[in-house]
PDB file of N, CA and C in Angstrom:
ATOM      1  N   MET A   1     -60.945  13.426   9.540  1.00  0.00           N
ATOM      2  CA  MET A   1     -61.724  14.621   9.407  1.00  0.00           C
ATOM      3  C   MET A   1     -60.826  15.810   9.087  1.00  0.00           C
ATOM      4  N   ALA A   2     -59.574  15.801   9.545  1.00  0.00           N
ATOM      5  CA  ALA A   2     -58.662  16.906   9.269  1.00  0.00           C
ATOM      6  C   ALA A   2     -58.309  16.960   7.788  1.00  0.00           C
ATOM      7  N   ALA A   3     -58.229  15.800   7.146  1.00  0.00           N
ATOM      8  CA  ALA A   3     -57.887  15.781   5.728  1.00  0.00           C
ATOM      9  C   ALA A   3     -59.037  16.325   4.874  1.00  0.00           C
ATOM     10  N   ALA A   4     -60.265  16.207   5.360  1.00  0.00           N
ATOM     11  CA  ALA A   4     -61.416  16.677   4.601  1.00  0.00           C
ATOM     12  C   ALA A   4     -61.579  18.185   4.682  1.00  0.00           C
ATOM     13  N   SER A   5     -60.919  18.847   5.631  1.00  0.00           N
ATOM     14  CA  SER A   5     -61.108  20.282   5.809  1.00  0.00           C
ATOM     15  C   SER A   5     -59.992  21.104   5.163  1.00  0.00           C
ATOM     16  N   ARG A   6     -59.220  20.525   4.255  1.00  0.00           N
ATOM     17  CA  ARG A   6     -58.164  21.274   3.586  1.00  0.00           C
ATOM     18  C   ARG A   6     -58.776  22.287   2.635  1.00  0.00           C
ATOM     19  N   LYS A   7     -58.296  23.530   2.736  1.00  0.00           N
ATOM     20  CA  LYS A   7     -58.832  24.601   1.912  1.00  0.00           C
ATOM     21  C   LYS A   7     -57.682  25.384   1.309  1.00  0.00           C
ATOM     22  N   SER A   8     -57.981  26.069   0.244  1.00  0.00           N
ATOM     23  CA  SER A   8     -56.967  26.931  -0.345  1.00  0.00           C
ATOM     24  C   SER A   8     -56.861  28.219   0.468  1.00  0.00           C
ATOM     25  N   LEU A   9     -55.842  29.006   0.197  1.00  0.00           N
ATOM     26  CA  LEU A   9     -55.638  30.251   0.922  1.00  0.00           C
ATOM     27  C   LEU A   9     -56.800  31.214   0.684  1.00  0.00           C
ATOM     28  N   GLY A  10     -57.285  31.276  -0.533  1.00  0.00           N
ATOM     29  CA  GLY A  10     -58.428  32.144  -0.838  1.00  0.00           C
ATOM     30  C   GLY A  10     -59.674  31.752  -0.068  1.00  0.00           C
ATOM     31  N   GLN A  11     -59.902  30.458   0.065  1.00  0.00           N
ATOM     32  CA  GLN A  11     -61.064  29.997   0.820  1.00  0.00           C
ATOM     33  C   GLN A  11     -60.922  30.315   2.303  1.00  0.00           C
ATOM     34  N   LEU A  12     -59.696  30.197   2.840  1.00  0.00           N
ATOM     35  CA  LEU A  12     -59.484  30.529   4.245  1.00  0.00           C
ATOM     36  C   LEU A  12     -59.684  32.020   4.500  1.00  0.00           C
ATOM     37  N   ILE A  13     -59.218  32.858   3.580  1.00  0.00           N
ATOM     38  CA  ILE A  13     -59.408  34.303   3.729  1.00  0.00           C
ATOM     39  C   ILE A  13     -60.891  34.653   3.660  1.00  0.00           C
ATOM     40  N   GLN A  14     -61.607  34.037   2.737  1.00  0.00           N
ATOM     41  CA  GLN A  14     -63.036  34.293   2.610  1.00  0.00           C
ATOM     42  C   GLN A  14     -63.785  33.834   3.858  1.00  0.00           C
ATOM     43  N   GLN A  15     -63.435  32.676   4.372  1.00  0.00           N
ATOM     44  CA  GLN A  15     -64.087  32.190   5.591  1.00  0.00           C
ATOM     45  C   GLN A  15     -63.751  33.100   6.770  1.00  0.00           C
ATOM     46  N   GLY A  16     -62.502  33.523   6.867  1.00  0.00           N
ATOM     47  CA  GLY A  16     -62.118  34.431   7.951  1.00  0.00           C
ATOM     48  C   GLY A  16     -62.845  35.753   7.864  1.00  0.00           C
ATOM     49  N   TRP A  17     -62.991  36.285   6.647  1.00  0.00           N
ATOM     50  CA  TRP A  17     -63.704  37.553   6.482  1.00  0.00           C
ATOM     51  C   TRP A  17     -65.175  37.406   6.874  1.00  0.00           C
ATOM     52  N   ASN A  18     -65.769  36.251   6.597  1.00  0.00           N
ATOM     53  CA  ASN A  18     -67.168  36.024   6.949  1.00  0.00           C
ATOM     54  C   ASN A  18     -67.353  35.800   8.453  1.00  0.00           C
ATOM     55  N   GLU A  19     -66.358  35.183   9.114  1.00  0.00           N
ATOM     56  CA  GLU A  19     -66.509  34.847  10.530  1.00  0.00           C
ATOM     57  C   GLU A  19     -66.000  35.944  11.458  1.00  0.00           C
ATOM     58  N   ILE A  20     -64.857  36.560  11.137  1.00  0.00           N
ATOM     59  CA  ILE A  20     -64.281  37.590  12.018  1.00  0.00           C
ATOM     60  C   ILE A  20     -63.837  38.803  11.185  1.00  0.00           C
ATOM     61  N   PRO A  21     -64.779  39.562  10.637  1.00  0.00           N
ATOM     62  CA  PRO A  21     -64.398  40.690   9.779  1.00  0.00           C
ATOM     63  C   PRO A  21     -63.681  41.810  10.537  1.00  0.00           C
ATOM     64  N   GLU A  22     -63.947  41.953  11.855  1.00  0.00           N
ATOM     65  CA  GLU A  22     -63.285  43.006  12.627  1.00  0.00           C
ATOM     66  C   GLU A  22     -61.778  42.776  12.675  1.00  0.00           C
ATOM     67  N   ILE A  23     -61.375  41.536  12.842  1.00  0.00           N
ATOM     68  CA  ILE A  23     -59.948  41.207  12.918  1.00  0.00           C
ATOM     69  C   ILE A  23     -59.289  41.447  11.564  1.00  0.00           C
ATOM     70  N   PHE A  24     -59.933  41.032  10.489  1.00  0.00           N
ATOM     71  CA  PHE A  24     -59.351  41.216   9.164  1.00  0.00           C
ATOM     72  C   PHE A  24     -59.242  42.697   8.802  1.00  0.00           C
ATOM     73  N   ALA A  25     -60.287  43.468   9.107  1.00  0.00           N
ATOM     74  CA  ALA A  25     -60.269  44.896   8.779  1.00  0.00           C
ATOM     75  C   ALA A  25     -59.235  45.633   9.621  1.00  0.00           C
ATOM     76  N   SER A  26     -59.176  45.348  10.909  1.00  0.00           N
ATOM     77  CA  SER A  26     -58.207  46.043  11.761  1.00  0.00           C
ATOM     78  C   SER A  26     -56.774  45.628  11.429  1.00  0.00           C
ATOM     79  N   THR A  27     -56.567  44.392  11.023  1.00  0.00           N
ATOM     80  CA  THR A  27     -55.234  43.964  10.599  1.00  0.00           C
ATOM     81  C   THR A  27     -54.813  44.710   9.344  1.00  0.00           C
ATOM     82  N   GLY A  28     -55.725  44.840   8.392  1.00  0.00           N
ATOM     83  CA  GLY A  28     -55.416  45.584   7.165  1.00  0.00           C
ATOM     84  C   GLY A  28     -55.103  47.041   7.445  1.00  0.00           C
ATOM     85  N   LEU A  29     -55.913  47.688   8.297  1.00  0.00           N
ATOM     86  CA  LEU A  29     -55.664  49.083   8.644  1.00  0.00           C
ATOM     87  C   LEU A  29     -54.358  49.227   9.420  1.00  0.00           C
ATOM     88  N   GLY A  30     -54.063  48.265  10.276  1.00  0.00           N
ATOM     89  CA  GLY A  30     -52.803  48.299  11.017  1.00  0.00           C
ATOM     90  C   GLY A  30     -51.598  48.199  10.103  1.00  0.00           C
ATOM     91  N   LEU A  31     -51.668  47.320   9.113  1.00  0.00           N
ATOM     92  CA  LEU A  31     -50.564  47.182   8.157  1.00  0.00           C
ATOM     93  C   LEU A  31     -50.387  48.443   7.318  1.00  0.00           C
ATOM     94  N   VAL A  32     -51.486  49.075   6.931  1.00  0.00           N
ATOM     95  CA  VAL A  32     -51.400  50.340   6.200  1.00  0.00           C
ATOM     96  C   VAL A  32     -50.762  51.410   7.083  1.00  0.00           C
ATOM     97  N   GLY A  33     -51.140  51.457   8.356  1.00  0.00           N
ATOM     98  CA  GLY A  33     -50.565  52.422   9.289  1.00  0.00           C
ATOM     99  C   GLY A  33     -49.076  52.211   9.500  1.00  0.00           C
ATOM    100  N   ILE A  34     -48.664  50.963   9.629  1.00  0.00           N
ATOM    101  CA  ILE A  34     -47.239  50.668   9.782  1.00  0.00           C
ATOM    102  C   ILE A  34     -46.481  51.077   8.528  1.00  0.00           C
ATOM    103  N   GLY A  35     -47.043  50.781   7.362  1.00  0.00           N
ATOM    104  CA  GLY A  35     -46.394  51.169   6.108  1.00  0.00           C
ATOM    105  C   GLY A  35     -46.248  52.681   5.982  1.00  0.00           C
ATOM    106  N   LEU A  36     -47.293  53.422   6.333  1.00  0.00           N
ATOM    107  CA  LEU A  36     -47.214  54.887   6.279  1.00  0.00           C
ATOM    108  C   LEU A  36     -46.222  55.429   7.308  1.00  0.00           C
ATOM    109  N   GLY A  37     -46.149  54.797   8.468  1.00  0.00           N
ATOM    110  CA  GLY A  37     -45.181  55.212   9.481  1.00  0.00           C
ATOM    111  C   GLY A  37     -43.750  54.996   9.029  1.00  0.00           C
ATOM    112  N   VAL A  38     -43.483  53.855   8.404  1.00  0.00           N
ATOM    113  CA  VAL A  38     -42.139  53.580   7.881  1.00  0.00           C
ATOM    114  C   VAL A  38     -41.797  54.565   6.771  1.00  0.00           C
ATOM    115  N   LEU A  39     -42.748  54.852   5.900  1.00  0.00           N
ATOM    116  CA  LEU A  39     -42.514  55.813   4.824  1.00  0.00           C
ATOM    117  C   LEU A  39     -42.241  57.210   5.382  1.00  0.00           C
ATOM    118  N   GLY A  40     -42.985  57.617   6.388  1.00  0.00           N
ATOM    119  CA  GLY A  40     -42.766  58.918   7.012  1.00  0.00           C
ATOM    120  C   GLY A  40     -41.409  59.009   7.694  1.00  0.00           C
ATOM    121  N   ALA A  41     -41.008  57.961   8.398  1.00  0.00           N
ATOM    122  CA  ALA A  41     -39.697  57.953   9.050  1.00  0.00           C
ATOM    123  C   ALA A  41     -38.571  57.983   8.018  1.00  0.00           C
ATOM    124  N   TYR A  42     -38.752  57.258   6.913  1.00  0.00           N
ATOM    125  CA  TYR A  42     -37.743  57.259   5.850  1.00  0.00           C
ATOM    126  C   TYR A  42     -37.596  58.653   5.248  1.00  0.00           C
ATOM    127  N   ASN A  43     -38.710  59.312   4.962  1.00  0.00           N
ATOM    128  CA  ASN A  43     -38.654  60.669   4.407  1.00  0.00           C
ATOM    129  C   ASN A  43     -38.059  61.654   5.399  1.00  0.00           C
ATOM    130  N   TYR A  44     -38.326  61.474   6.683  1.00  0.00           N
ATOM    131  CA  TYR A  44     -37.764  62.354   7.711  1.00  0.00           C
ATOM    132  C   TYR A  44     -36.241  62.269   7.719  1.00  0.00           C
ATOM    133  N   VAL A  45     -35.730  61.043   7.686  1.00  0.00           N
ATOM    134  CA  VAL A  45     -34.280  60.855   7.701  1.00  0.00           C
ATOM    135  C   VAL A  45     -33.673  61.299   6.374  1.00  0.00           C
ATOM    136  N   LYS A  46     -34.341  60.993   5.274  1.00  0.00           N
ATOM    137  CA  LYS A  46     -33.809  61.334   3.949  1.00  0.00           C
ATOM    138  C   LYS A  46     -33.725  62.841   3.752  1.00  0.00           C
ATOM    139  N   ASN A  47     -34.682  63.595   4.260  1.00  0.00           N
ATOM    140  CA  ASN A  47     -34.706  65.042   4.089  1.00  0.00           C
ATOM    141  C   ASN A  47     -34.050  65.785   5.248  1.00  0.00           C
ATOM    142  N   ASP A  48     -33.222  65.096   6.028  1.00  0.00           N
ATOM    143  CA  ASP A  48     -32.487  65.690   7.146  1.00  0.00           C
ATOM    144  C   ASP A  48     -33.447  66.377   8.112  1.00  0.00           C
ATOM    145  N   GLY A  49     -34.430  65.655   8.604  1.00  0.00           N
ATOM    146  CA  GLY A  49     -35.469  66.215   9.452  1.00  0.00           C
ATOM    147  C   GLY A  49     -34.996  66.642  10.827  1.00  0.00           C
ATOM    148  N   ASP A  50     -33.840  66.159  11.279  1.00  0.00           N
ATOM    149  CA  ASP A  50     -33.351  66.518  12.600  1.00  0.00           C
ATOM    150  C   ASP A  50     -32.548  67.820  12.572  1.00  0.00           C
ATOM    151  N   ASN A  51     -32.464  68.462  11.438  1.00  0.00           N
ATOM    152  CA  ASN A  51     -31.693  69.696  11.306  1.00  0.00           C
ATOM    153  C   ASN A  51     -32.586  70.874  11.690  1.00  0.00           C
ATOM    154  N   ARG A  52     -32.832  71.023  12.978  1.00  0.00           N
ATOM    155  CA  ARG A  52     -33.678  72.107  13.468  1.00  0.00           C
ATOM    156  C   ARG A  52     -32.856  73.374  13.643  1.00  0.00           C
ATOM    157  N   ARG A  53     -33.494  74.501  13.439  1.00  0.00           N
ATOM    158  CA  ARG A  53     -32.796  75.767  13.585  1.00  0.00           C
ATOM    159  C   ARG A  53     -32.444  76.024  15.045  1.00  0.00           C
ATOM    160  N   TYR A  54     -33.376  75.787  15.946  1.00  0.00           N
ATOM    161  CA  TYR A  54     -33.142  75.992  17.374  1.00  0.00           C
ATOM    162  C   TYR A  54     -33.182  74.644  18.066  1.00  0.00           C
ATOM    163  N   LYS A  55     -32.066  74.249  18.647  1.00  0.00           N
ATOM    164  CA  LYS A  55     -31.986  72.963  19.333  1.00  0.00           C
ATOM    165  C   LYS A  55     -32.060  73.178  20.840  1.00  0.00           C
ATOM    166  N   GLY A  56     -32.389  72.141  21.561  1.00  0.00           N
ATOM    167  CA  GLY A  56     -32.498  72.236  23.009  1.00  0.00           C
ATOM    168  C   GLY A  56     -31.146  72.338  23.704  1.00  0.00           C
ATOM    169  N   THR A  57     -30.104  71.825  23.077  1.00  0.00           N
ATOM    170  CA  THR A  57     -28.757  71.880  23.639  1.00  0.00           C
ATOM    171  C   THR A  57     -27.809  72.440  22.594  1.00  0.00           C
ATOM    172  N   TYR A  58     -26.689  72.953  23.056  1.00  0.00           N
ATOM    173  CA  TYR A  58     -25.684  73.460  22.137  1.00  0.00           C
ATOM    174  C   TYR A  58     -24.962  72.313  21.454  1.00  0.00           C
ATOM    175  N   VAL A  59     -24.663  72.503  20.188  1.00  0.00           N
ATOM    176  CA  VAL A  59     -23.935  71.507  19.423  1.00  0.00           C
ATOM    177  C   VAL A  59     -22.718  72.186  18.827  1.00  0.00           C
ATOM    178  N   VAL A  60     -21.533  71.658  19.142  1.00  0.00           N
ATOM    179  CA  VAL A  60     -20.297  72.209  18.607  1.00  0.00           C
ATOM    180  C   VAL A  60     -19.805  71.278  17.514  1.00  0.00           C
ATOM    181  N   MET A  61     -19.565  71.852  16.316  1.00  0.00           N
ATOM    182  CA  MET A  61     -19.090  71.056  15.183  1.00  0.00           C
ATOM    183  C   MET A  61     -17.814  71.668  14.643  1.00  0.00           C
ATOM    184  N   ARG A  62     -16.937  70.833  14.185  1.00  0.00           N
ATOM    185  CA  ARG A  62     -15.714  71.306  13.552  1.00  0.00           C
ATOM    186  C   ARG A  62     -16.024  71.747  12.127  1.00  0.00           C
ATOM    187  N   PRO A  63     -15.214  72.640  11.585  1.00  0.00           N
ATOM    188  CA  PRO A  63     -15.457  73.108  10.214  1.00  0.00           C
ATOM    189  C   PRO A  63     -15.346  72.011   9.158  1.00  0.00           C
ATOM    190  N   ASP A  64     -14.595  70.947   9.428  1.00  0.00           N
ATOM    191  CA  ASP A  64     -14.444  69.873   8.438  1.00  0.00           C
ATOM    192  C   ASP A  64     -15.508  68.784   8.585  1.00  0.00           C
ATOM    193  N   ASP A  65     -16.466  68.958   9.508  1.00  0.00           N
ATOM    194  CA  ASP A  65     -17.555  68.000   9.683  1.00  0.00           C
ATOM    195  C   ASP A  65     -18.506  68.099   8.484  1.00  0.00           C
ATOM    196  N   PRO A  66     -18.877  66.972   7.855  1.00  0.00           N
ATOM    197  CA  PRO A  66     -19.763  67.043   6.680  1.00  0.00           C
ATOM    198  C   PRO A  66     -21.157  67.585   6.997  1.00  0.00           C
ATOM    199  N   ARG A  67     -21.573  67.562   8.279  1.00  0.00           N
ATOM    200  CA  ARG A  67     -22.882  68.093   8.629  1.00  0.00           C
ATOM    201  C   ARG A  67     -22.925  69.618   8.649  1.00  0.00           C
ATOM    202  N   VAL A  68     -21.754  70.258   8.632  1.00  0.00           N
ATOM    203  CA  VAL A  68     -21.707  71.724   8.699  1.00  0.00           C
ATOM    204  C   VAL A  68     -22.378  72.340   7.489  1.00  0.00           C
ATOM    205  N   LYS A  69     -22.195  71.758   6.312  1.00  0.00           N
ATOM    206  CA  LYS A  69     -22.797  72.344   5.109  1.00  0.00           C
ATOM    207  C   LYS A  69     -24.310  72.164   5.078  1.00  0.00           C
ATOM    208  N   LEU A  70     -24.860  71.326   5.952  1.00  0.00           N
ATOM    209  CA  LEU A  70     -26.298  71.116   6.011  1.00  0.00           C
ATOM    210  C   LEU A  70     -27.002  72.049   6.990  1.00  0.00           C
ATOM    211  N   ILE A  71     -26.237  72.830   7.744  1.00  0.00           N
ATOM    212  CA  ILE A  71     -26.828  73.724   8.745  1.00  0.00           C
ATOM    213  C   ILE A  71     -27.638  74.800   8.016  1.00  0.00           C
ATOM    214  N   ARG A  72     -28.821  75.009   8.508  1.00  0.00           N
ATOM    215  CA  ARG A  72     -29.692  76.026   7.899  1.00  0.00           C
ATOM    216  C   ARG A  72     -29.255  77.409   8.366  1.00  0.00           C
ATOM    217  N   LYS A  73     -29.164  78.320   7.454  1.00  0.00           N
ATOM    218  CA  LYS A  73     -28.782  79.702   7.786  1.00  0.00           C
ATOM    219  C   LYS A  73     -29.941  80.603   7.487  1.00  0.00           C
ATOM    220  N   GLU A  74     -31.046  80.425   8.184  1.00  0.00           N
ATOM    221  CA  GLU A  74     -32.257  81.197   7.933  1.00  0.00           C
ATOM    222  C   GLU A  74     -32.293  82.450   8.763  1.00  0.00           C
TER     223      GLU A  74
END
């Protein structure tokens, strides 16, 4: 009986969507959310998002530190 129930991937997805659409929809939305979160974190790091004007603690940097030229002088 197990050999008779072999299905293609498309048929399994269609059957899953017909039987448990909540799981398929929430999985899709979850994957989109994870993708947007990764993209947001990447853009935050790429655009130097941690370079806040006012920090909670003092930070002492040497003049030859490469991060010195990134300090905002607003």
